[in-house]
Amino acid sequence: MKVDFKRIYFGVKFVVIAAFAVFVVFLFWQKGAVGAGINYNVAPTTTTKFVYGLYPEGRVEIVENAWKIKYEPVYLNVYAPRKFKKAQVTLKYKNLMESDVFVGVKVKGNAPVPYYLKKLDKTLSFDLAGAAFEKNKLQFIIAAPGIEESKGTLIIESIKIQLL
């Protein structure tokens, strides 16, 4: 019985190239977030490598499975594998303050106010056309002017971010 090494070689070569092509397409699909958007659910009790925050330390503390904002502003960095058109931010919170609270996204350029701010609501929608997209990250801010002086409390139980 004679073994045809040429056929075996071409068969193995075909399988290896096909497997490599499938692997590359899979990686592109994961990195590119092809298709629908991305959803991130963040709470003090959960960790994810795609969302970093609320920070800096000292301005935020974790109390009873929620973030208690002690000083403002606080930031949240969100990984975005590609550019998106829109971000929808949903907050589950308790605002025990007299003054308004704002949520915003960092904008690109040298704007006098480097964030596009909106008054706190349960769900906020941001157009990301002018957003700063640095090292595949978007930066969000939560600003509560006067929280230090008023001794008010802002408690955030969870944050859901949808990149669309």
Foldseek 3Di string as FASTA:
>chain_A
DDDDVVVVVVVVVVVVVVVVVVVVVVVCCVLVVPDFWDKDKDWPVDDDPFKDDFDDPPQWDADPRWIKGQADKTKMKGAASDDFFKKKKFWDKDWQDPDWKWKWKAFDDDDPDRTDIDTDDRMDMDGCPGGDQPPRMIMMIIGDPPCNVRVTIMITNMMMMIGD
